[in-house]
Amino acid sequence: MEFEKQKNRLIDELRGHGTSERVLDAMNRVPRHLFVPENEKNNAYADNPLPLGWGQTISAPHMVAIMCDLLDIHDGMKLLEVGAGSGYHAAVMAELAGSGHVYAVETIEGLAQFARENLKKARISNVTVIVEDGSLGLPRFAPYDRINVACAAPDIPDTLTEQLKPGGKLVIPVGKNLQELYLVTKIDGLKKEPKGGVVFVPLIGKKGFQIR
């Protein structure tokens, strides 16, 4: 019951920041406290990032909301997430996709297993977590309606834009120290729109800052 109260306060706070009702509804259906380590459960509904271990973090709820709003996810879409983390962001995307499916790629095996367990506890079945180099996308399930990148890249990888459907959208943080969030739309080439400064952990992989 206490988690429900905390979640309601968070939803009200995000509503005040202009988050769409569709995204708020999806976030309301995902129990964020199931996606954080045991010692962080009391902080699950605070609007800030939290440590997951493995040198990784779960994004602040407002950042998840911003990225989901930018992606404009609809029922039946096929989505790719790069950087599965604890599975929370993928879970919110999966709620928005409804009958669609989310493929979440994670380079860290232990974190991928944590995400799978969390998604199972939350009874979210339309997410598949795969351990691979997410900077290369996931060609075998391409093309995607939407791609979300939850880690900062040196630039916008062509490996990801090539896996977008025509009219598809990609959201990605770009930069090392000073990062900019970009919305990329695949219309008559690539339309790239900066959406504000952000702070994310670095993308690991051949098209990232480091190779594991």
C-alpha atoms as a PDB file:
ATOM      1  CA  MET A   1       0.000   0.000   0.000  1.00  0.00           C
ATOM      2  CA  GLU A   2       2.869   2.382   0.809  1.00  0.00           C
ATOM      3  CA  PHE A   3       4.423   1.744  -2.620  1.00  0.00           C
ATOM      4  CA  GLU A   4       1.061   2.561  -4.217  1.00  0.00           C
ATOM      5  CA  LYS A   5       0.931   5.896  -2.407  1.00  0.00           C
ATOM      6  CA  GLN A   6       4.481   6.711  -3.451  1.00  0.00           C
ATOM      7  CA  LYS A   7       3.709   5.780  -7.048  1.00  0.00           C
ATOM      8  CA  ASN A   8       0.605   7.969  -7.076  1.00  0.00           C
ATOM      9  CA  ARG A   9       2.643  10.926  -5.839  1.00  0.00           C
ATOM     10  CA  LEU A  10       5.205  10.322  -8.569  1.00  0.00           C
ATOM     11  CA  ILE A  11       2.508  10.109 -11.265  1.00  0.00           C
ATOM     12  CA  ASP A  12       1.011  13.399 -10.059  1.00  0.00           C
ATOM     13  CA  GLU A  13       4.457  15.012 -10.140  1.00  0.00           C
ATOM     14  CA  LEU A  14       5.105  13.794 -13.693  1.00  0.00           C
ATOM     15  CA  ARG A  15       1.655  14.977 -14.772  1.00  0.00           C
ATOM     16  CA  GLY A  16       2.642  18.437 -13.529  1.00  0.00           C
ATOM     17  CA  HIS A  17       5.682  18.297 -15.822  1.00  0.00           C
ATOM     18  CA  GLY A  18       3.495  17.710 -18.890  1.00  0.00           C
ATOM     19  CA  THR A  19       3.859  13.947 -19.366  1.00  0.00           C
ATOM     20  CA  SER A  20       1.124  12.549 -21.626  1.00  0.00           C
ATOM     21  CA  GLU A  21      -1.709  10.579 -20.035  1.00  0.00           C
ATOM     22  CA  ARG A  22      -0.868   7.525 -22.171  1.00  0.00           C
ATOM     23  CA  VAL A  23       2.652   7.377 -20.758  1.00  0.00           C
ATOM     24  CA  LEU A  24       1.437   8.104 -17.221  1.00  0.00           C
ATOM     25  CA  ASP A  25      -1.053   5.255 -17.513  1.00  0.00           C
ATOM     26  CA  ALA A  26       1.689   2.866 -18.670  1.00  0.00           C
ATOM     27  CA  MET A  27       3.994   3.937 -15.827  1.00  0.00           C
ATOM     28  CA  ASN A  28       1.149   3.528 -13.363  1.00  0.00           C
ATOM     29  CA  ARG A  29       0.776  -0.118 -14.431  1.00  0.00           C
ATOM     30  CA  VAL A  30       4.475  -0.932 -13.906  1.00  0.00           C
ATOM     31  CA  PRO A  31       5.564  -1.524 -10.268  1.00  0.00           C
ATOM     32  CA  ARG A  32       8.947   0.221 -10.296  1.00  0.00           C
ATOM     33  CA  HIS A  33       9.876  -1.200  -6.882  1.00  0.00           C
ATOM     34  CA  LEU A  34      10.190  -4.617  -8.544  1.00  0.00           C
ATOM     35  CA  PHE A  35      12.921  -3.266 -10.837  1.00  0.00           C
ATOM     36  CA  VAL A  36      15.413  -1.913  -8.297  1.00  0.00           C
ATOM     37  CA  PRO A  37      17.808  -3.713  -5.920  1.00  0.00           C
ATOM     38  CA  GLU A  38      16.420  -4.681  -2.513  1.00  0.00           C
ATOM     39  CA  ASN A  39      18.361  -1.938  -0.715  1.00  0.00           C
ATOM     40  CA  GLU A  40      16.851   0.730  -3.019  1.00  0.00           C
ATOM     41  CA  LYS A  41      13.176  -0.294  -2.805  1.00  0.00           C
ATOM     42  CA  ASN A  42      12.300   2.569  -0.435  1.00  0.00           C
ATOM     43  CA  ASN A  43      13.631   4.986  -3.080  1.00  0.00           C
ATOM     44  CA  ALA A  44      11.906   3.301  -6.031  1.00  0.00           C
ATOM     45  CA  TYR A  45       9.411   6.117  -6.626  1.00  0.00           C
ATOM     46  CA  ALA A  46      11.777   9.029  -6.078  1.00  0.00           C
ATOM     47  CA  ASP A  47      12.310  10.954  -9.304  1.00  0.00           C
ATOM     48  CA  ASN A  48      16.025  10.323  -9.642  1.00  0.00           C
ATOM     49  CA  PRO A  49      18.369   7.629 -10.994  1.00  0.00           C
ATOM     50  CA  LEU A  50      19.283   4.719  -8.713  1.00  0.00           C
ATOM     51  CA  PRO A  51      22.321   2.379  -8.746  1.00  0.00           C
ATOM     52  CA  LEU A  52      21.753  -1.156 -10.032  1.00  0.00           C
ATOM     53  CA  GLY A  53      25.218  -2.589  -9.533  1.00  0.00           C
ATOM     54  CA  TRP A  54      27.601  -3.507 -12.369  1.00  0.00           C
ATOM     55  CA  GLY A  55      28.341   0.235 -12.664  1.00  0.00           C
ATOM     56  CA  GLN A  56      24.870   0.835 -14.139  1.00  0.00           C
ATOM     57  CA  THR A  57      21.816   2.845 -13.109  1.00  0.00           C
ATOM     58  CA  ILE A  58      18.049   2.851 -13.578  1.00  0.00           C
ATOM     59  CA  SER A  59      16.989   6.141 -15.181  1.00  0.00           C
ATOM     60  CA  ALA A  60      14.954   8.704 -13.264  1.00  0.00           C
ATOM     61  CA  PRO A  61      11.210   8.265 -13.908  1.00  0.00           C
ATOM     62  CA  HIS A  62      10.926  11.682 -15.591  1.00  0.00           C
ATOM     63  CA  MET A  63      13.580  10.652 -18.118  1.00  0.00           C
ATOM     64  CA  VAL A  64      11.719   7.419 -18.905  1.00  0.00           C
ATOM     65  CA  ALA A  65       8.576   9.514 -19.376  1.00  0.00           C
ATOM     66  CA  ILE A  66      10.317  12.011 -21.675  1.00  0.00           C
ATOM     67  CA  MET A  67      11.830   9.298 -23.879  1.00  0.00           C
ATOM     68  CA  CYS A  68       8.572   7.351 -24.123  1.00  0.00           C
ATOM     69  CA  ASP A  69       6.660  10.504 -25.056  1.00  0.00           C
ATOM     70  CA  LEU A  70       9.212  11.333 -27.759  1.00  0.00           C
ATOM     71  CA  LEU A  71       8.969   7.817 -29.202  1.00  0.00           C
ATOM     72  CA  ASP A  72       5.149   8.008 -29.469  1.00  0.00           C
ATOM     73  CA  ILE A  73       4.652   4.236 -29.035  1.00  0.00           C
ATOM     74  CA  HIS A  74       1.403   2.631 -30.187  1.00  0.00           C
ATOM     75  CA  ASP A  75      -0.268  -0.763 -29.892  1.00  0.00           C
ATOM     76  CA  GLY A  76       1.250  -3.514 -32.016  1.00  0.00           C
ATOM     77  CA  MET A  77       4.635  -1.865 -32.571  1.00  0.00           C
ATOM     78  CA  LYS A  78       7.924  -3.772 -32.596  1.00  0.00           C
ATOM     79  CA  LEU A  79      10.493  -2.029 -30.429  1.00  0.00           C
ATOM     80  CA  LEU A  80      14.202  -2.294 -29.741  1.00  0.00           C
ATOM     81  CA  GLU A  81      15.775  -1.090 -26.518  1.00  0.00           C
ATOM     82  CA  VAL A  82      19.549  -0.770 -26.242  1.00  0.00           C
ATOM     83  CA  GLY A  83      20.607  -1.051 -22.606  1.00  0.00           C
ATOM     84  CA  ALA A  84      17.988  -3.196 -20.875  1.00  0.00           C
ATOM     85  CA  GLY A  85      19.274  -2.358 -17.397  1.00  0.00           C
ATOM     86  CA  SER A  86      16.809  -3.643 -14.790  1.00  0.00           C
ATOM     87  CA  GLY A  87      14.038  -4.002 -17.382  1.00  0.00           C
ATOM     88  CA  TYR A  88      11.952  -1.071 -16.116  1.00  0.00           C
ATOM     89  CA  HIS A  89      12.139   1.135 -19.209  1.00  0.00           C
ATOM     90  CA  ALA A  90      11.380  -1.860 -21.425  1.00  0.00           C
ATOM     91  CA  ALA A  91       8.392  -2.682 -19.203  1.00  0.00           C
ATOM     92  CA  VAL A  92       6.878   0.786 -19.657  1.00  0.00           C
ATOM     93  CA  MET A  93       7.485   0.581 -23.413  1.00  0.00           C
ATOM     94  CA  ALA A  94       5.860  -2.870 -23.455  1.00  0.00           C
ATOM     95  CA  GLU A  95       2.740  -1.496 -21.759  1.00  0.00           C
ATOM     96  CA  LEU A  96       2.519   1.205 -24.423  1.00  0.00           C
ATOM     97  CA  ALA A  97       3.079  -1.336 -27.218  1.00  0.00           C
ATOM     98  CA  GLY A  98       0.224  -3.565 -25.988  1.00  0.00           C
ATOM     99  CA  SER A  99       0.048  -6.443 -28.464  1.00  0.00           C
ATOM    100  CA  GLY A 100       3.481  -5.464 -29.792  1.00  0.00           C
ATOM    101  CA  HIS A 101       6.867  -6.650 -28.542  1.00  0.00           C
ATOM    102  CA  VAL A 102      10.039  -5.167 -27.053  1.00  0.00           C
ATOM    103  CA  TYR A 103      13.472  -6.660 -27.735  1.00  0.00           C
ATOM    104  CA  ALA A 104      15.836  -5.382 -25.032  1.00  0.00           C
ATOM    105  CA  VAL A 105      19.578  -5.830 -25.556  1.00  0.00           C
ATOM    106  CA  GLU A 106      22.027  -5.827 -22.644  1.00  0.00           C
ATOM    107  CA  THR A 107      25.785  -6.494 -22.687  1.00  0.00           C
ATOM    108  CA  ILE A 108      26.053  -7.501 -19.015  1.00  0.00           C
ATOM    109  CA  GLU A 109      24.843 -11.064 -18.399  1.00  0.00           C
ATOM    110  CA  GLY A 110      24.096 -10.575 -14.700  1.00  0.00           C
ATOM    111  CA  LEU A 111      22.063  -7.449 -15.382  1.00  0.00           C
ATOM    112  CA  ALA A 112      20.171  -9.159 -18.203  1.00  0.00           C
ATOM    113  CA  GLN A 113      19.205 -11.981 -15.849  1.00  0.00           C
ATOM    114  CA  PHE A 114      18.108  -9.431 -13.223  1.00  0.00           C
ATOM    115  CA  ALA A 115      15.902  -7.771 -15.864  1.00  0.00           C
ATOM    116  CA  ARG A 116      14.348 -11.111 -16.875  1.00  0.00           C
ATOM    117  CA  GLU A 117      13.517 -11.928 -13.248  1.00  0.00           C
ATOM    118  CA  ASN A 118      12.015  -8.484 -12.670  1.00  0.00           C
ATOM    119  CA  LEU A 119       9.851  -8.669 -15.801  1.00  0.00           C
ATOM    120  CA  LYS A 120       8.610 -12.098 -14.732  1.00  0.00           C
ATOM    121  CA  LYS A 121       7.714 -10.783 -11.246  1.00  0.00           C
ATOM    122  CA  ALA A 122       5.856  -7.887 -12.866  1.00  0.00           C
ATOM    123  CA  ARG A 123       4.033 -10.349 -15.173  1.00  0.00           C
ATOM    124  CA  ILE A 124       5.176  -8.587 -18.324  1.00  0.00           C
ATOM    125  CA  SER A 125       5.476 -11.161 -21.096  1.00  0.00           C
ATOM    126  CA  ASN A 126       6.029  -9.083 -24.248  1.00  0.00           C
ATOM    127  CA  VAL A 127       9.688  -8.266 -23.565  1.00  0.00           C
ATOM    128  CA  THR A 128      12.613 -10.446 -24.659  1.00  0.00           C
ATOM    129  CA  VAL A 129      15.982  -9.682 -23.031  1.00  0.00           C
ATOM    130  CA  ILE A 130      19.009 -10.683 -25.107  1.00  0.00           C
ATOM    131  CA  VAL A 131      22.722 -10.493 -24.247  1.00  0.00           C
ATOM    132  CA  GLU A 132      24.549  -8.975 -27.226  1.00  0.00           C
ATOM    133  CA  ASP A 133      26.339  -5.830 -28.365  1.00  0.00           C
ATOM    134  CA  GLY A 134      23.434  -3.401 -28.419  1.00  0.00           C
ATOM    135  CA  SER A 135      25.421  -0.776 -30.305  1.00  0.00           C
ATOM    136  CA  LEU A 136      24.982  -3.042 -33.339  1.00  0.00           C
ATOM    137  CA  GLY A 137      21.234  -3.270 -32.800  1.00  0.00           C
ATOM    138  CA  LEU A 138      19.522  -6.618 -33.271  1.00  0.00           C
ATOM    139  CA  PRO A 139      19.387  -7.239 -37.028  1.00  0.00           C
ATOM    140  CA  ARG A 140      17.589 -10.591 -36.894  1.00  0.00           C
ATOM    141  CA  PHE A 141      14.375  -8.988 -35.626  1.00  0.00           C
ATOM    142  CA  ALA A 142      14.666  -5.750 -37.642  1.00  0.00           C
ATOM    143  CA  PRO A 143      13.157  -3.519 -38.864  1.00  0.00           C
ATOM    144  CA  TYR A 144      11.731  -1.744 -35.814  1.00  0.00           C
ATOM    145  CA  ASP A 145       9.006   0.850 -35.437  1.00  0.00           C
ATOM    146  CA  ARG A 146      10.851   2.451 -32.545  1.00  0.00           C
ATOM    147  CA  ILE A 147      14.335   2.229 -30.997  1.00  0.00           C
ATOM    148  CA  ASN A 148      15.198   3.499 -27.522  1.00  0.00           C
ATOM    149  CA  VAL A 149      18.834   3.833 -26.416  1.00  0.00           C
ATOM    150  CA  ALA A 150      19.300   4.098 -22.646  1.00  0.00           C
ATOM    151  CA  CYS A 151      23.045   4.833 -22.723  1.00  0.00           C
ATOM    152  CA  ALA A 152      25.124   7.579 -24.303  1.00  0.00           C
ATOM    153  CA  ALA A 153      26.780   7.016 -27.686  1.00  0.00           C
ATOM    154  CA  PRO A 154      29.676   8.919 -29.323  1.00  0.00           C
ATOM    155  CA  ASP A 155      27.315   9.666 -32.214  1.00  0.00           C
ATOM    156  CA  ILE A 156      24.129   8.245 -33.770  1.00  0.00           C
ATOM    157  CA  PRO A 157      25.086   4.712 -34.918  1.00  0.00           C
ATOM    158  CA  ASP A 158      24.164   3.869 -38.517  1.00  0.00           C
ATOM    159  CA  THR A 159      23.730   0.281 -37.293  1.00  0.00           C
ATOM    160  CA  LEU A 160      20.621   1.480 -35.444  1.00  0.00           C
ATOM    161  CA  THR A 161      19.167   3.899 -38.002  1.00  0.00           C
ATOM    162  CA  GLU A 162      19.461   1.197 -40.677  1.00  0.00           C
ATOM    163  CA  GLN A 163      17.219  -1.041 -38.540  1.00  0.00           C
ATOM    164  CA  LEU A 164      14.429   1.535 -38.339  1.00  0.00           C
ATOM    165  CA  LYS A 165      11.334   1.173 -40.497  1.00  0.00           C
ATOM    166  CA  PRO A 166      10.491   4.082 -42.818  1.00  0.00           C
ATOM    167  CA  GLY A 167       8.765   6.619 -40.584  1.00  0.00           C
ATOM    168  CA  GLY A 168      10.343   4.989 -37.518  1.00  0.00           C
ATOM    169  CA  LYS A 169      11.748   6.889 -34.542  1.00  0.00           C
ATOM    170  CA  LEU A 170      14.926   6.569 -32.497  1.00  0.00           C
ATOM    171  CA  VAL A 171      15.694   8.307 -29.188  1.00  0.00           C
ATOM    172  CA  ILE A 172      19.341   8.395 -28.148  1.00  0.00           C
ATOM    173  CA  PRO A 173      21.680  10.379 -25.848  1.00  0.00           C
ATOM    174  CA  VAL A 174      24.838  11.515 -27.682  1.00  0.00           C
ATOM    175  CA  GLY A 175      28.082  12.755 -26.143  1.00  0.00           C
ATOM    176  CA  LYS A 176      30.641  11.837 -23.510  1.00  0.00           C
ATOM    177  CA  ASN A 177      30.602  14.475 -20.770  1.00  0.00           C
ATOM    178  CA  LEU A 178      28.042  16.915 -22.145  1.00  0.00           C
ATOM    179  CA  GLN A 179      25.256  14.802 -23.641  1.00  0.00           C
ATOM    180  CA  GLU A 180      22.315  15.795 -25.826  1.00  0.00           C
ATOM    181  CA  LEU A 181      19.151  13.733 -26.218  1.00  0.00           C
ATOM    182  CA  TYR A 182      18.191  13.334 -29.888  1.00  0.00           C
ATOM    183  CA  LEU A 183      14.963  12.304 -31.543  1.00  0.00           C
ATOM    184  CA  VAL A 184      15.744  10.801 -34.953  1.00  0.00           C
ATOM    185  CA  THR A 185      12.903  10.246 -37.433  1.00  0.00           C
ATOM    186  CA  LYS A 186      13.444   8.221 -40.601  1.00  0.00           C
ATOM    187  CA  ILE A 187      11.627  10.432 -43.117  1.00  0.00           C
ATOM    188  CA  ASP A 188      13.340  11.480 -46.379  1.00  0.00           C
ATOM    189  CA  GLY A 189      16.634  10.456 -44.865  1.00  0.00           C
ATOM    190  CA  LEU A 190      17.114  11.174 -41.166  1.00  0.00           C
ATOM    191  CA  LYS A 191      15.600  14.102 -39.304  1.00  0.00           C
ATOM    192  CA  LYS A 192      17.661  14.754 -36.143  1.00  0.00           C
ATOM    193  CA  GLU A 193      16.159  16.953 -33.418  1.00  0.00           C
ATOM    194  CA  PRO A 194      18.031  17.885 -30.197  1.00  0.00           C
ATOM    195  CA  LYS A 195      15.755  17.627 -27.155  1.00  0.00           C
ATOM    196  CA  GLY A 196      17.900  18.803 -24.249  1.00  0.00           C
ATOM    197  CA  GLY A 197      20.854  17.965 -22.061  1.00  0.00           C
ATOM    198  CA  VAL A 198      20.962  14.614 -20.245  1.00  0.00           C
ATOM    199  CA  VAL A 199      23.323  12.358 -18.260  1.00  0.00           C
ATOM    200  CA  PHE A 200      23.547   8.629 -19.063  1.00  0.00           C
ATOM    201  CA  VAL A 201      26.073   5.839 -18.553  1.00  0.00           C
ATOM    202  CA  PRO A 202      28.217   5.198 -21.672  1.00  0.00           C
ATOM    203  CA  LEU A 203      27.177   2.819 -24.434  1.00  0.00           C
ATOM    204  CA  ILE A 204      29.328  -0.314 -24.381  1.00  0.00           C
ATOM    205  CA  GLY A 205      30.103  -1.950 -27.727  1.00  0.00           C
ATOM    206  CA  LYS A 206      31.740  -1.555 -31.127  1.00  0.00           C
ATOM    207  CA  LYS A 207      29.773   1.626 -31.840  1.00  0.00           C
ATOM    208  CA  GLY A 208      30.066   2.842 -28.236  1.00  0.00           C
ATOM    209  CA  PHE A 209      32.752   4.353 -26.061  1.00  0.00           C
ATOM    210  CA  GLN A 210      34.249   1.045 -24.985  1.00  0.00           C
ATOM    211  CA  ILE A 211      34.150  -2.629 -25.848  1.00  0.00           C
ATOM    212  CA  ARG A 212      33.483  -5.073 -23.020  1.00  0.00           C
END
